[in-house]
């Protein structure tokens, strides 16, 4: 079971957090964004650097996210 949260930083940057609430099983989630940004960047857990999110479709606003049990991924929404 997944959980999706949207956040905005003090500078106005928008972020999306996708979390697997299941601590036993992995999950694959299809996330559809309400307003499809031109690009989506994933924020690295290790370094905090941002890289283009693999598999994001700006035409549909969809991304498939695979998460291990209890895992989460942070994305920055582009303009």
Protein backbone atom coordinates (compact mmCIF):
# COMPACT_ATOMS: atom_id res chain seq x y z
CA UNK A 1 0.00 0.00 0.00
CA UNK A 2 1.40 3.36 -1.01
CA UNK A 3 1.20 6.86 0.35
CA UNK A 4 1.84 10.02 -1.69
CA UNK A 5 2.45 13.45 -0.17
CA UNK A 6 3.05 16.80 -1.82
CA UNK A 7 5.15 19.49 -0.14
CA UNK A 8 6.35 23.01 -0.91
CA UNK A 9 9.64 24.46 0.36
CA UNK A 10 10.00 27.99 1.70
CA UNK A 11 11.50 28.98 -1.66
CA UNK A 12 8.42 27.67 -3.50
CA UNK A 13 9.92 24.45 -4.89
CA UNK A 14 7.37 21.64 -5.00
CA UNK A 15 8.18 18.08 -3.93
CA UNK A 16 6.43 14.73 -4.04
CA UNK A 17 7.15 11.94 -1.53
CA UNK A 18 6.07 8.41 -2.46
CA UNK A 19 6.20 5.82 0.35
CA UNK A 20 5.50 2.10 0.63
CA UNK A 21 3.61 1.68 3.91
CA UNK A 22 3.96 -2.12 3.74
CA UNK A 23 6.95 -3.26 5.81
CA UNK A 24 6.83 -6.80 4.41
CA UNK A 25 6.22 -6.63 0.66
CA UNK A 26 7.61 -4.50 -2.15
CA UNK A 27 5.14 -2.53 -4.27
CA UNK A 28 4.93 -0.95 -7.71
CA UNK A 29 2.81 2.20 -7.85
CA UNK A 30 1.53 4.15 -10.84
CA UNK A 31 1.42 7.79 -9.74
CA UNK A 32 -0.55 10.28 -11.84
CA UNK A 33 0.16 13.95 -11.11
CA UNK A 34 -2.81 16.34 -11.20
CA UNK A 35 -0.96 18.95 -13.24
CA UNK A 36 1.82 17.32 -15.24
CA UNK A 37 5.06 19.29 -14.81
CA UNK A 38 7.47 19.54 -17.75
CA UNK A 39 9.99 17.43 -15.86
CA UNK A 40 10.39 15.47 -12.65
CA UNK A 41 13.65 15.02 -10.75
CA UNK A 42 14.43 12.38 -8.14
CA UNK A 43 16.39 13.49 -5.09
CA UNK A 44 19.19 11.08 -4.18
CA UNK A 45 18.92 9.57 -0.69
CA UNK A 46 22.69 9.40 -0.41
CA UNK A 47 23.82 12.81 -1.71
CA UNK A 48 20.73 15.00 -2.09
CA UNK A 49 21.56 15.67 -5.74
CA UNK A 50 18.72 15.77 -8.22
CA UNK A 51 18.56 13.70 -11.40
CA UNK A 52 15.88 13.32 -14.05
CA UNK A 53 13.34 10.72 -12.90
CA UNK A 54 13.43 7.61 -15.07
CA UNK A 55 10.11 6.64 -16.60
CA UNK A 56 8.31 9.95 -16.12
CA UNK A 57 5.93 10.95 -18.93
CA UNK A 58 5.23 14.71 -19.06
CA UNK A 59 2.45 14.14 -21.62
CA UNK A 60 0.44 12.01 -19.17
CA UNK A 61 1.91 13.14 -15.83
CA UNK A 62 2.50 9.49 -14.90
CA UNK A 63 5.45 7.73 -13.34
CA UNK A 64 5.78 4.13 -12.20
CA UNK A 65 7.57 3.90 -8.86
CA UNK A 66 8.98 0.63 -7.52
CA UNK A 67 9.55 0.58 -3.78
CA UNK A 68 11.01 -2.00 -1.45
CA UNK A 69 9.15 -2.71 1.78
CA UNK A 70 9.06 0.43 3.96
CA UNK A 71 10.93 2.44 1.34
CA UNK A 72 10.26 5.93 0.02
CA UNK A 73 11.43 8.20 -2.79
CA UNK A 74 11.47 11.98 -3.03
CA UNK A 75 10.86 13.85 -6.29
CA UNK A 76 11.08 17.53 -7.18
CA UNK A 77 8.36 18.76 -9.51
CA UNK A 78 9.59 20.91 -12.41
CA UNK A 79 7.90 23.99 -13.81
